[in-house]
Amino acid sequence: MKTGLEVWAPHGGLNFRMVDHSKADIEVSFASKDHGDGFPFDGPGRVVAHAFPPPHGAMHFDDDEIWGDNPSEDDEDITDFFAVAVHEIGHALGLSHSNVKASVMYPYYQVP
């Protein structure tokens, strides 16, 4: 997560630090199925995470996914946490999807 935040920090003079839950602008959690936000996860595959723009700033990752770092194309069942985190952080900062396939804000997860 820290590395994902560092991707965005220089592009807006942003400073990220860990704080007590009650003072957080962005909250990160792992959940499965119905987790109380009206957008339930569907199990492995398809929807792997979602985030909400400011002022909510919550990021939820599907706990039923198999998360990994830098998986190869042969690791079809492993979801790249870094790639998804960078995308979801963008949403938590207020960015919407891009229709540019090479953009980190492209709406569909692609194996890097």
PDB file of N, CA and C in Angstrom:
ATOM      1  N   MET A   1       0.836  -1.184   0.000  1.00  0.00           N
ATOM      2  CA  MET A   1       0.000   0.000   0.000  1.00  0.00           C
ATOM      3  C   MET A   1       0.882   1.248   0.000  1.00  0.00           C
ATOM      4  N   LYS A   2       1.937   1.219   0.795  1.00  0.00           N
ATOM      5  CA  LYS A   2       2.823   2.387   0.888  1.00  0.00           C
ATOM      6  C   LYS A   2       3.393   2.743  -0.480  1.00  0.00           C
ATOM      7  N   THR A   3       3.822   1.748  -1.235  1.00  0.00           N
ATOM      8  CA  THR A   3       4.386   1.995  -2.560  1.00  0.00           C
ATOM      9  C   THR A   3       3.333   2.565  -3.501  1.00  0.00           C
ATOM     10  N   GLY A   4       2.108   2.082  -3.393  1.00  0.00           N
ATOM     11  CA  GLY A   4       1.019   2.620  -4.204  1.00  0.00           C
ATOM     12  C   GLY A   4       0.748   4.082  -3.892  1.00  0.00           C
ATOM     13  N   LEU A   5       0.792   4.438  -2.626  1.00  0.00           N
ATOM     14  CA  LEU A   5       0.603   5.839  -2.226  1.00  0.00           C
ATOM     15  C   LEU A   5       1.740   6.716  -2.745  1.00  0.00           C
ATOM     16  N   GLU A   6       2.950   6.156  -2.745  1.00  0.00           N
ATOM     17  CA  GLU A   6       4.110   6.912  -3.221  1.00  0.00           C
ATOM     18  C   GLU A   6       4.026   7.222  -4.712  1.00  0.00           C
ATOM     19  N   VAL A   7       3.279   6.415  -5.465  1.00  0.00           N
ATOM     20  CA  VAL A   7       3.084   6.693  -6.888  1.00  0.00           C
ATOM     21  C   VAL A   7       2.347   8.016  -7.070  1.00  0.00           C
ATOM     22  N   TRP A   8       1.346   8.255  -6.236  1.00  0.00           N
ATOM     23  CA  TRP A   8       0.513   9.452  -6.378  1.00  0.00           C
ATOM     24  C   TRP A   8       1.083  10.690  -5.680  1.00  0.00           C
ATOM     25  N   ALA A   9       1.857  10.530  -4.633  1.00  0.00           N
ATOM     26  CA  ALA A   9       2.312  11.655  -3.805  1.00  0.00           C
ATOM     27  C   ALA A   9       2.944  12.802  -4.593  1.00  0.00           C
ATOM     28  N   PRO A  10       3.875  12.551  -5.516  1.00  0.00           N
ATOM     29  CA  PRO A  10       4.515  13.676  -6.193  1.00  0.00           C
ATOM     30  C   PRO A  10       3.619  14.412  -7.193  1.00  0.00           C
ATOM     31  N   HIS A  11       2.474  13.841  -7.521  1.00  0.00           N
ATOM     32  CA  HIS A  11       1.616  14.437  -8.548  1.00  0.00           C
ATOM     33  C   HIS A  11       0.594  15.416  -7.991  1.00  0.00           C
ATOM     34  N   GLY A  12       0.725  15.779  -6.774  1.00  0.00           N
ATOM     35  CA  GLY A  12      -0.207  16.743  -6.203  1.00  0.00           C
ATOM     36  C   GLY A  12       0.297  17.306  -4.895  1.00  0.00           C
ATOM     37  N   GLY A  13       1.592  17.131  -4.645  1.00  0.00           N
ATOM     38  CA  GLY A  13       2.141  17.605  -3.382  1.00  0.00           C
ATOM     39  C   GLY A  13       1.489  16.916  -2.199  1.00  0.00           C
ATOM     40  N   LEU A  14       1.175  15.640  -2.364  1.00  0.00           N
ATOM     41  CA  LEU A  14       0.458  14.894  -1.330  1.00  0.00           C
ATOM     42  C   LEU A  14       1.416  14.297  -0.318  1.00  0.00           C
ATOM     43  N   ASN A  15       0.951  14.195   0.920  1.00  0.00           N
ATOM     44  CA  ASN A  15       1.727  13.599   1.997  1.00  0.00           C
ATOM     45  C   ASN A  15       0.847  12.557   2.674  1.00  0.00           C
ATOM     46  N   PHE A  16       1.278  11.311   2.637  1.00  0.00           N
ATOM     47  CA  PHE A  16       0.517  10.233   3.257  1.00  0.00           C
ATOM     48  C   PHE A  16       1.230   9.751   4.510  1.00  0.00           C
ATOM     49  N   ARG A  17       0.470   9.482   5.547  1.00  0.00           N
ATOM     50  CA  ARG A  17       1.028   8.899   6.773  1.00  0.00           C
ATOM     51  C   ARG A  17      -0.064   8.106   7.468  1.00  0.00           C
ATOM     52  N   MET A  18       0.356   7.133   8.241  1.00  0.00           N
ATOM     53  CA  MET A  18      -0.596   6.315   8.977  1.00  0.00           C
ATOM     54  C   MET A  18      -1.048   7.080  10.216  1.00  0.00           C
ATOM     55  N   VAL A  19      -2.365   7.110  10.419  1.00  0.00           N
ATOM     56  CA  VAL A  19      -2.939   7.805  11.572  1.00  0.00           C
ATOM     57  C   VAL A  19      -3.997   6.921  12.212  1.00  0.00           C
ATOM     58  N   ASP A  20      -4.465   7.335  13.365  1.00  0.00           N
ATOM     59  CA  ASP A  20      -5.558   6.650  14.042  1.00  0.00           C
ATOM     60  C   ASP A  20      -6.781   6.625  13.130  1.00  0.00           C
ATOM     61  N   HIS A  21      -7.528   5.558  13.189  1.00  0.00           N
ATOM     62  CA  HIS A  21      -8.712   5.353  12.350  1.00  0.00           C
ATOM     63  C   HIS A  21      -9.642   6.564  12.349  1.00  0.00           C
ATOM     64  N   SER A  22      -9.855   7.179  13.485  1.00  0.00           N
ATOM     65  CA  SER A  22     -10.804   8.295  13.587  1.00  0.00           C
ATOM     66  C   SER A  22     -10.326   9.555  12.862  1.00  0.00           C
ATOM     67  N   LYS A  23      -9.034   9.627  12.535  1.00  0.00           N
ATOM     68  CA  LYS A  23      -8.488  10.813  11.875  1.00  0.00           C
ATOM     69  C   LYS A  23      -8.127  10.565  10.412  1.00  0.00           C
ATOM     70  N   ALA A  24      -8.418   9.380   9.906  1.00  0.00           N
ATOM     71  CA  ALA A  24      -8.001   9.007   8.554  1.00  0.00           C
ATOM     72  C   ALA A  24      -8.863   9.657   7.478  1.00  0.00           C
ATOM     73  N   ASP A  25      -8.217  10.135   6.426  1.00  0.00           N
ATOM     74  CA  ASP A  25      -8.919  10.628   5.246  1.00  0.00           C
ATOM     75  C   ASP A  25      -9.214   9.487   4.281  1.00  0.00           C
ATOM     76  N   ILE A  26      -8.351   8.479   4.288  1.00  0.00           N
ATOM     77  CA  ILE A  26      -8.528   7.290   3.453  1.00  0.00           C
ATOM     78  C   ILE A  26      -8.430   6.073   4.356  1.00  0.00           C
ATOM     79  N   GLU A  27      -9.464   5.257   4.351  1.00  0.00           N
ATOM     80  CA  GLU A  27      -9.473   4.027   5.146  1.00  0.00           C
ATOM     81  C   GLU A  27      -9.377   2.834   4.206  1.00  0.00           C
ATOM     82  N   VAL A  28      -8.530   1.879   4.556  1.00  0.00           N
ATOM     83  CA  VAL A  28      -8.302   0.693   3.742  1.00  0.00           C
ATOM     84  C   VAL A  28      -8.779  -0.524   4.511  1.00  0.00           C
ATOM     85  N   SER A  29      -9.537  -1.392   3.834  1.00  0.00           N
ATOM     86  CA  SER A  29      -9.975  -2.625   4.496  1.00  0.00           C
ATOM     87  C   SER A  29     -10.112  -3.753   3.485  1.00  0.00           C
ATOM     88  N   PHE A  30     -10.050  -4.965   4.010  1.00  0.00           N
ATOM     89  CA  PHE A  30     -10.310  -6.171   3.230  1.00  0.00           C
ATOM     90  C   PHE A  30     -11.629  -6.739   3.720  1.00  0.00           C
ATOM     91  N   ALA A  31     -12.480  -7.126   2.791  1.00  0.00           N
ATOM     92  CA  ALA A  31     -13.804  -7.648   3.150  1.00  0.00           C
ATOM     93  C   ALA A  31     -14.238  -8.643   2.086  1.00  0.00           C
ATOM     94  N   SER A  32     -15.259  -9.420   2.399  1.00  0.00           N
ATOM     95  CA  SER A  32     -15.826 -10.305   1.398  1.00  0.00           C
ATOM     96  C   SER A  32     -17.331 -10.172   1.363  1.00  0.00           C
ATOM     97  N   LYS A  33     -17.862 -10.548   0.205  1.00  0.00           N
ATOM     98  CA  LYS A  33     -19.320 -10.533  -0.028  1.00  0.00           C
ATOM     99  C   LYS A  33     -19.937  -9.198   0.412  1.00  0.00           C
ATOM    100  N   ASP A  34     -21.070  -9.252   1.119  1.00  0.00           N
ATOM    101  CA  ASP A  34     -21.740  -8.035   1.579  1.00  0.00           C
ATOM    102  C   ASP A  34     -20.995  -7.505   2.802  1.00  0.00           C
ATOM    103  N   HIS A  35     -20.418  -6.325   2.676  1.00  0.00           N
ATOM    104  CA  HIS A  35     -19.634  -5.749   3.772  1.00  0.00           C
ATOM    105  C   HIS A  35     -20.157  -4.382   4.200  1.00  0.00           C
ATOM    106  N   GLY A  36     -21.426  -4.104   3.876  1.00  0.00           N
ATOM    107  CA  GLY A  36     -22.103  -2.954   4.451  1.00  0.00           C
ATOM    108  C   GLY A  36     -22.055  -1.645   3.691  1.00  0.00           C
ATOM    109  N   ASP A  37     -21.477  -1.622   2.485  1.00  0.00           N
ATOM    110  CA  ASP A  37     -21.423  -0.349   1.759  1.00  0.00           C
ATOM    111  C   ASP A  37     -22.349  -0.305   0.545  1.00  0.00           C
ATOM    112  N   GLY A  38     -23.151  -1.352   0.365  1.00  0.00           N
ATOM    113  CA  GLY A  38     -24.061  -1.399  -0.770  1.00  0.00           C
ATOM    114  C   GLY A  38     -23.436  -1.921  -2.049  1.00  0.00           C
ATOM    115  N   PHE A  39     -22.161  -2.279  -2.006  1.00  0.00           N
ATOM    116  CA  PHE A  39     -21.454  -2.809  -3.166  1.00  0.00           C
ATOM    117  C   PHE A  39     -20.761  -4.119  -2.784  1.00  0.00           C
ATOM    118  N   PRO A  40     -21.522  -5.202  -2.648  1.00  0.00           N
ATOM    119  CA  PRO A  40     -20.936  -6.465  -2.199  1.00  0.00           C
ATOM    120  C   PRO A  40     -19.939  -7.029  -3.210  1.00  0.00           C
ATOM    121  N   PHE A  41     -18.939  -7.709  -2.695  1.00  0.00           N
ATOM    122  CA  PHE A  41     -17.996  -8.400  -3.562  1.00  0.00           C
ATOM    123  C   PHE A  41     -18.607  -9.712  -4.025  1.00  0.00           C
ATOM    124  N   ASP A  42     -18.059 -10.240  -5.122  1.00  0.00           N
ATOM    125  CA  ASP A  42     -18.637 -11.408  -5.779  1.00  0.00           C
ATOM    126  C   ASP A  42     -17.770 -12.658  -5.686  1.00  0.00           C
ATOM    127  N   GLY A  43     -16.796 -12.676  -4.796  1.00  0.00           N
ATOM    128  CA  GLY A  43     -15.899 -13.820  -4.703  1.00  0.00           C
ATOM    129  C   GLY A  43     -14.733 -13.639  -5.664  1.00  0.00           C
ATOM    130  N   PRO A  44     -13.896 -14.656  -5.819  1.00  0.00           N
ATOM    131  CA  PRO A  44     -12.704 -14.535  -6.662  1.00  0.00           C
ATOM    132  C   PRO A  44     -13.036 -14.137  -8.103  1.00  0.00           C
ATOM    133  N   GLY A  45     -12.223 -13.225  -8.643  1.00  0.00           N
ATOM    134  CA  GLY A  45     -12.423 -12.757 -10.014  1.00  0.00           C
ATOM    135  C   GLY A  45     -13.400 -11.603 -10.079  1.00  0.00           C
ATOM    136  N   ARG A  46     -13.600 -11.080 -11.276  1.00  0.00           N
ATOM    137  CA  ARG A  46     -14.519  -9.965 -11.556  1.00  0.00           C
ATOM    138  C   ARG A  46     -14.210  -8.734 -10.711  1.00  0.00           C
ATOM    139  N   VAL A  47     -15.037  -8.368  -9.736  1.00  0.00           N
ATOM    140  CA  VAL A  47     -14.795  -7.157  -8.937  1.00  0.00           C
ATOM    141  C   VAL A  47     -13.786  -7.492  -7.835  1.00  0.00           C
ATOM    142  N   VAL A  48     -12.584  -6.913  -7.936  1.00  0.00           N
ATOM    143  CA  VAL A  48     -11.530  -7.242  -6.972  1.00  0.00           C
ATOM    144  C   VAL A  48     -11.389  -6.191  -5.873  1.00  0.00           C
ATOM    145  N   ALA A  49     -11.883  -4.970  -6.143  1.00  0.00           N
ATOM    146  CA  ALA A  49     -11.783  -3.880  -5.160  1.00  0.00           C
ATOM    147  C   ALA A  49     -12.668  -2.729  -5.616  1.00  0.00           C
ATOM    148  N   HIS A  50     -12.907  -1.800  -4.714  1.00  0.00           N
ATOM    149  CA  HIS A  50     -13.568  -0.544  -5.066  1.00  0.00           C
ATOM    150  C   HIS A  50     -13.188   0.514  -4.040  1.00  0.00           C
ATOM    151  N   ALA A  51     -13.366   1.756  -4.457  1.00  0.00           N
ATOM    152  CA  ALA A  51     -13.020   2.878  -3.575  1.00  0.00           C
ATOM    153  C   ALA A  51     -14.010   4.006  -3.796  1.00  0.00           C
ATOM    154  N   PHE A  52     -14.068   4.885  -2.832  1.00  0.00           N
ATOM    155  CA  PHE A  52     -15.001   5.999  -2.866  1.00  0.00           C
ATOM    156  C   PHE A  52     -14.225   7.309  -2.854  1.00  0.00           C
ATOM    157  N   PRO A  53     -14.681   8.290  -3.635  1.00  0.00           N
ATOM    158  CA  PRO A  53     -13.972   9.572  -3.706  1.00  0.00           C
ATOM    159  C   PRO A  53     -14.147  10.386  -2.432  1.00  0.00           C
ATOM    160  N   PRO A  54     -13.354  11.445  -2.316  1.00  0.00           N
ATOM    161  CA  PRO A  54     -13.522  12.324  -1.160  1.00  0.00           C
ATOM    162  C   PRO A  54     -14.956  12.836  -1.087  1.00  0.00           C
ATOM    163  N   PRO A  55     -15.478  13.064   0.064  1.00  0.00           N
ATOM    164  CA  PRO A  55     -14.800  13.043   1.358  1.00  0.00           C
ATOM    165  C   PRO A  55     -14.751  11.665   2.010  1.00  0.00           C
ATOM    166  N   HIS A  56     -15.313  10.634   1.376  1.00  0.00           N
ATOM    167  CA  HIS A  56     -15.374   9.301   2.002  1.00  0.00           C
ATOM    168  C   HIS A  56     -14.010   8.624   2.034  1.00  0.00           C
ATOM    169  N   GLY A  57     -13.337   8.540   0.896  1.00  0.00           N
ATOM    170  CA  GLY A  57     -11.977   8.028   0.852  1.00  0.00           C
ATOM    171  C   GLY A  57     -11.773   6.609   1.334  1.00  0.00           C
ATOM    172  N   ALA A  58     -12.788   5.771   1.277  1.00  0.00           N
ATOM    173  CA  ALA A  58     -12.624   4.381   1.705  1.00  0.00           C
ATOM    174  C   ALA A  58     -12.190   3.521   0.524  1.00  0.00           C
ATOM    175  N   MET A  59     -11.284   2.573   0.780  1.00  0.00           N
ATOM    176  CA  MET A  59     -10.871   1.591  -0.222  1.00  0.00           C
ATOM    177  C   MET A  59     -11.126   0.210   0.355  1.00  0.00           C
ATOM    178  N   HIS A  60     -11.834  -0.616  -0.404  1.00  0.00           N
ATOM    179  CA  HIS A  60     -12.151  -1.975   0.023  1.00  0.00           C
ATOM    180  C   HIS A  60     -11.575  -2.962  -0.987  1.00  0.00           C
ATOM    181  N   PHE A  61     -10.877  -3.956  -0.483  1.00  0.00           N
ATOM    182  CA  PHE A  61     -10.292  -5.003  -1.313  1.00  0.00           C
ATOM    183  C   PHE A  61     -10.987  -6.320  -0.986  1.00  0.00           C
ATOM    184  N   ASP A  62     -11.292  -7.097  -2.029  1.00  0.00           N
ATOM    185  CA  ASP A  62     -12.001  -8.367  -1.853  1.00  0.00           C
ATOM    186  C   ASP A  62     -11.077  -9.384  -1.193  1.00  0.00           C
ATOM    187  N   ASP A  63     -11.420  -9.791  -0.001  1.00  0.00           N
ATOM    188  CA  ASP A  63     -10.608 -10.738   0.767  1.00  0.00           C
ATOM    189  C   ASP A  63     -10.623 -12.140   0.161  1.00  0.00           C
ATOM    190  N   ASP A  64     -11.539 -12.400  -0.771  1.00  0.00           N
ATOM    191  CA  ASP A  64     -11.598 -13.712  -1.417  1.00  0.00           C
ATOM    192  C   ASP A  64     -10.636 -13.833  -2.594  1.00  0.00           C
ATOM    193  N   GLU A  65      -9.988 -12.744  -2.958  1.00  0.00           N
ATOM    194  CA  GLU A  65      -8.981 -12.800  -4.027  1.00  0.00           C
ATOM    195  C   GLU A  65      -7.695 -13.393  -3.469  1.00  0.00           C
ATOM    196  N   ILE A  66      -6.869 -13.901  -4.357  1.00  0.00           N
ATOM    197  CA  ILE A  66      -5.513 -14.306  -3.991  1.00  0.00           C
ATOM    198  C   ILE A  66      -4.623 -13.141  -4.407  1.00  0.00           C
ATOM    199  N   TRP A  67      -4.170 -12.378  -3.429  1.00  0.00           N
ATOM    200  CA  TRP A  67      -3.385 -11.178  -3.691  1.00  0.00           C
ATOM    201  C   TRP A  67      -1.904 -11.522  -3.717  1.00  0.00           C
ATOM    202  N   GLY A  68      -1.162 -10.884  -4.602  1.00  0.00           N
ATOM    203  CA  GLY A  68       0.273 -11.105  -4.679  1.00  0.00           C
ATOM    204  C   GLY A  68       0.973  -9.871  -5.205  1.00  0.00           C
ATOM    205  N   ASP A  69       2.286  -9.920  -5.187  1.00  0.00           N
ATOM    206  CA  ASP A  69       3.101  -8.832  -5.717  1.00  0.00           C
ATOM    207  C   ASP A  69       3.704  -9.256  -7.041  1.00  0.00           C
ATOM    208  N   ASN A  70       3.449  -8.463  -8.072  1.00  0.00           N
ATOM    209  CA  ASN A  70       4.068  -8.652  -9.373  1.00  0.00           C
ATOM    210  C   ASN A  70       3.887 -10.065  -9.938  1.00  0.00           C
ATOM    211  N   PRO A  71       2.654 -10.569 -10.023  1.00  0.00           N
ATOM    212  CA  PRO A  71       2.459 -11.909 -10.574  1.00  0.00           C
ATOM    213  C   PRO A  71       2.760 -11.939 -12.073  1.00  0.00           C
ATOM    214  N   SER A  72       3.188 -13.095 -12.557  1.00  0.00           N
ATOM    215  CA  SER A  72       3.447 -13.242 -13.989  1.00  0.00           C
ATOM    216  C   SER A  72       2.145 -13.614 -14.695  1.00  0.00           C
ATOM    217  N   GLU A  73       2.182 -13.620 -16.018  1.00  0.00           N
ATOM    218  CA  GLU A  73       0.989 -13.995 -16.781  1.00  0.00           C
ATOM    219  C   GLU A  73       0.586 -15.432 -16.489  1.00  0.00           C
ATOM    220  N   ASP A  74       1.534 -16.262 -16.048  1.00  0.00           N
ATOM    221  CA  ASP A  74       1.232 -17.660 -15.719  1.00  0.00           C
ATOM    222  C   ASP A  74       0.453 -17.785 -14.415  1.00  0.00           C
ATOM    223  N   ASP A  75       0.487 -16.758 -13.594  1.00  0.00           N
ATOM    224  CA  ASP A  75      -0.204 -16.766 -12.302  1.00  0.00           C
ATOM    225  C   ASP A  75      -1.617 -16.211 -12.464  1.00  0.00           C
ATOM    226  N   GLU A  76      -2.443 -16.890 -13.246  1.00  0.00           N
ATOM    227  CA  GLU A  76      -3.777 -16.391 -13.581  1.00  0.00           C
ATOM    228  C   GLU A  76      -4.665 -16.164 -12.369  1.00  0.00           C
ATOM    229  N   ASP A  77      -4.452 -16.910 -11.298  1.00  0.00           N
ATOM    230  CA  ASP A  77      -5.316 -16.802 -10.125  1.00  0.00           C
ATOM    231  C   ASP A  77      -4.845 -15.748  -9.128  1.00  0.00           C
ATOM    232  N   ILE A  78      -3.685 -15.150  -9.381  1.00  0.00           N
ATOM    233  CA  ILE A  78      -3.135 -14.167  -8.450  1.00  0.00           C
ATOM    234  C   ILE A  78      -3.416 -12.759  -8.969  1.00  0.00           C
ATOM    235  N   THR A  79      -3.972 -11.920  -8.107  1.00  0.00           N
ATOM    236  CA  THR A  79      -4.280 -10.533  -8.452  1.00  0.00           C
ATOM    237  C   THR A  79      -3.172  -9.633  -7.914  1.00  0.00           C
ATOM    238  N   ASP A  80      -2.651  -8.769  -8.764  1.00  0.00           N
ATOM    239  CA  ASP A  80      -1.538  -7.886  -8.402  1.00  0.00           C
ATOM    240  C   ASP A  80      -2.030  -6.782  -7.461  1.00  0.00           C
ATOM    241  N   PHE A  81      -1.673  -6.894  -6.188  1.00  0.00           N
ATOM    242  CA  PHE A  81      -2.142  -5.928  -5.198  1.00  0.00           C
ATOM    243  C   PHE A  81      -1.677  -4.513  -5.527  1.00  0.00           C
ATOM    244  N   PHE A  82      -0.427  -4.351  -5.918  1.00  0.00           N
ATOM    245  CA  PHE A  82       0.107  -3.021  -6.215  1.00  0.00           C
ATOM    246  C   PHE A  82      -0.695  -2.342  -7.321  1.00  0.00           C
ATOM    247  N   ALA A  83      -0.922  -3.040  -8.430  1.00  0.00           N
ATOM    248  CA  ALA A  83      -1.646  -2.455  -9.566  1.00  0.00           C
ATOM    249  C   ALA A  83      -3.055  -2.042  -9.167  1.00  0.00           C
ATOM    250  N   VAL A  84      -3.737  -2.904  -8.425  1.00  0.00           N
ATOM    251  CA  VAL A  84      -5.105  -2.593  -8.002  1.00  0.00           C
ATOM    252  C   VAL A  84      -5.091  -1.454  -6.983  1.00  0.00           C
ATOM    253  N   ALA A  85      -4.134  -1.468  -6.063  1.00  0.00           N
ATOM    254  CA  ALA A  85      -4.060  -0.413  -5.045  1.00  0.00           C
ATOM    255  C   ALA A  85      -3.834   0.955  -5.681  1.00  0.00           C
ATOM    256  N   VAL A  86      -2.932   1.044  -6.655  1.00  0.00           N
ATOM    257  CA  VAL A  86      -2.681   2.329  -7.320  1.00  0.00           C
ATOM    258  C   VAL A  86      -3.972   2.841  -7.959  1.00  0.00           C
ATOM    259  N   HIS A  87      -4.714   1.962  -8.607  1.00  0.00           N
ATOM    260  CA  HIS A  87      -5.987   2.335  -9.232  1.00  0.00           C
ATOM    261  C   HIS A  87      -6.993   2.823  -8.187  1.00  0.00           C
ATOM    262  N   GLU A  88      -7.156   2.064  -7.119  1.00  0.00           N
ATOM    263  CA  GLU A  88      -8.142   2.426  -6.090  1.00  0.00           C
ATOM    264  C   GLU A  88      -7.741   3.692  -5.333  1.00  0.00           C
ATOM    265  N   ILE A  89      -6.451   3.902  -5.123  1.00  0.00           N
ATOM    266  CA  ILE A  89      -5.992   5.146  -4.499  1.00  0.00           C
ATOM    267  C   ILE A  89      -6.404   6.326  -5.377  1.00  0.00           C
ATOM    268  N   GLY A  90      -6.292   6.157  -6.687  1.00  0.00           N
ATOM    269  CA  GLY A  90      -6.744   7.205  -7.603  1.00  0.00           C
ATOM    270  C   GLY A  90      -8.196   7.578  -7.355  1.00  0.00           C
ATOM    271  N   HIS A  91      -9.059   6.567  -7.173  1.00  0.00           N
ATOM    272  CA  HIS A  91     -10.467   6.849  -6.861  1.00  0.00           C
ATOM    273  C   HIS A  91     -10.601   7.561  -5.516  1.00  0.00           C
ATOM    274  N   ALA A  92      -9.856   7.103  -4.512  1.00  0.00           N
ATOM    275  CA  ALA A  92      -9.938   7.712  -3.180  1.00  0.00           C
ATOM    276  C   ALA A  92      -9.480   9.170  -3.206  1.00  0.00           C
ATOM    277  N   LEU A  93      -8.672   9.510  -4.203  1.00  0.00           N
ATOM    278  CA  LEU A  93      -8.220  10.896  -4.367  1.00  0.00           C
ATOM    279  C   LEU A  93      -9.171  11.714  -5.237  1.00  0.00           C
ATOM    280  N   GLY A  94     -10.183  11.047  -5.807  1.00  0.00           N
ATOM    281  CA  GLY A  94     -11.186  11.764  -6.589  1.00  0.00           C
ATOM    282  C   GLY A  94     -11.137  11.554  -8.086  1.00  0.00           C
ATOM    283  N   LEU A  95     -10.256  10.686  -8.568  1.00  0.00           N
ATOM    284  CA  LEU A  95     -10.164  10.442 -10.007  1.00  0.00           C
ATOM    285  C   LEU A  95     -11.213   9.429 -10.451  1.00  0.00           C
ATOM    286  N   SER A  96     -11.699   9.593 -11.664  1.00  0.00           N
ATOM    287  CA  SER A  96     -12.651   8.635 -12.223  1.00  0.00           C
ATOM    288  C   SER A  96     -11.921   7.738 -13.221  1.00  0.00           C
ATOM    289  N   HIS A  97     -12.647   6.838 -13.849  1.00  0.00           N
ATOM    290  CA  HIS A  97     -12.047   5.921 -14.811  1.00  0.00           C
ATOM    291  C   HIS A  97     -11.618   6.651 -16.079  1.00  0.00           C
ATOM    292  N   SER A  98     -10.646   6.062 -16.743  1.00  0.00           N
ATOM    293  CA  SER A  98     -10.151   6.557 -18.023  1.00  0.00           C
ATOM    294  C   SER A  98     -10.441   5.496 -19.077  1.00  0.00           C
ATOM    295  N   ASN A  99     -10.718   5.914 -20.306  1.00  0.00           N
ATOM    296  CA  ASN A  99     -10.899   4.923 -21.368  1.00  0.00           C
ATOM    297  C   ASN A  99      -9.595   4.654 -22.112  1.00  0.00           C
ATOM    298  N   VAL A 100      -8.485   5.175 -21.596  1.00  0.00           N
ATOM    299  CA  VAL A 100      -7.164   4.905 -22.152  1.00  0.00           C
ATOM    300  C   VAL A 100      -6.661   3.604 -21.540  1.00  0.00           C
ATOM    301  N   LYS A 101      -6.495   2.581 -22.374  1.00  0.00           N
ATOM    302  CA  LYS A 101      -6.168   1.245 -21.869  1.00  0.00           C
ATOM    303  C   LYS A 101      -4.864   1.200 -21.061  1.00  0.00           C
ATOM    304  N   ALA A 102      -3.898   2.050 -21.381  1.00  0.00           N
ATOM    305  CA  ALA A 102      -2.614   2.048 -20.669  1.00  0.00           C
ATOM    306  C   ALA A 102      -2.656   2.837 -19.357  1.00  0.00           C
ATOM    307  N   SER A 103      -3.756   3.508 -19.070  1.00  0.00           N
ATOM    308  CA  SER A 103      -3.872   4.321 -17.857  1.00  0.00           C
ATOM    309  C   SER A 103      -4.098   3.452 -16.618  1.00  0.00           C
ATOM    310  N   VAL A 104      -3.527   3.864 -15.485  1.00  0.00           N
ATOM    311  CA  VAL A 104      -3.797   3.145 -14.233  1.00  0.00           C
ATOM    312  C   VAL A 104      -5.261   3.285 -13.834  1.00  0.00           C
ATOM    313  N   MET A 105      -5.967   4.241 -14.417  1.00  0.00           N
ATOM    314  CA  MET A 105      -7.383   4.439 -14.101  1.00  0.00           C
ATOM    315  C   MET A 105      -8.310   3.753 -15.107  1.00  0.00           C
ATOM    316  N   TYR A 106      -7.755   2.909 -15.981  1.00  0.00           N
ATOM    317  CA  TYR A 106      -8.581   2.093 -16.876  1.00  0.00           C
ATOM    318  C   TYR A 106      -9.427   1.176 -15.993  1.00  0.00           C
ATOM    319  N   PRO A 107     -10.721   1.017 -16.290  1.00  0.00           N
ATOM    320  CA  PRO A 107     -11.613   0.345 -15.338  1.00  0.00           C
ATOM    321  C   PRO A 107     -11.474  -1.167 -15.210  1.00  0.00           C
ATOM    322  N   TYR A 108     -10.701  -1.807 -16.083  1.00  0.00           N
ATOM    323  CA  TYR A 108     -10.624  -3.268 -16.024  1.00  0.00           C
ATOM    324  C   TYR A 108      -9.224  -3.715 -15.644  1.00  0.00           C
ATOM    325  N   TYR A 109      -9.161  -4.623 -14.679  1.00  0.00           N
ATOM    326  CA  TYR A 109      -7.875  -5.154 -14.220  1.00  0.00           C
ATOM    327  C   TYR A 109      -7.208  -5.923 -15.346  1.00  0.00           C
ATOM    328  N   GLN A 110      -5.934  -5.620 -15.564  1.00  0.00           N
ATOM    329  CA  GLN A 110      -5.141  -6.322 -16.562  1.00  0.00           C
ATOM    330  C   GLN A 110      -3.875  -6.820 -15.892  1.00  0.00           C
ATOM    331  N   VAL A 111      -3.468  -8.030 -16.206  1.00  0.00           N
ATOM    332  CA  VAL A 111      -2.211  -8.539 -15.663  1.00  0.00           C
ATOM    333  C   VAL A 111      -1.099  -7.667 -16.220  1.00  0.00           C
ATOM    334  N   PRO A 112      -0.307  -7.056 -15.335  1.00  0.00           N
ATOM    335  CA  PRO A 112       0.755  -6.136 -15.809  1.00  0.00           C
ATOM    336  C   PRO A 112       1.785  -6.834 -16.675  1.00  0.00           C
TER     337      PRO A 112
END
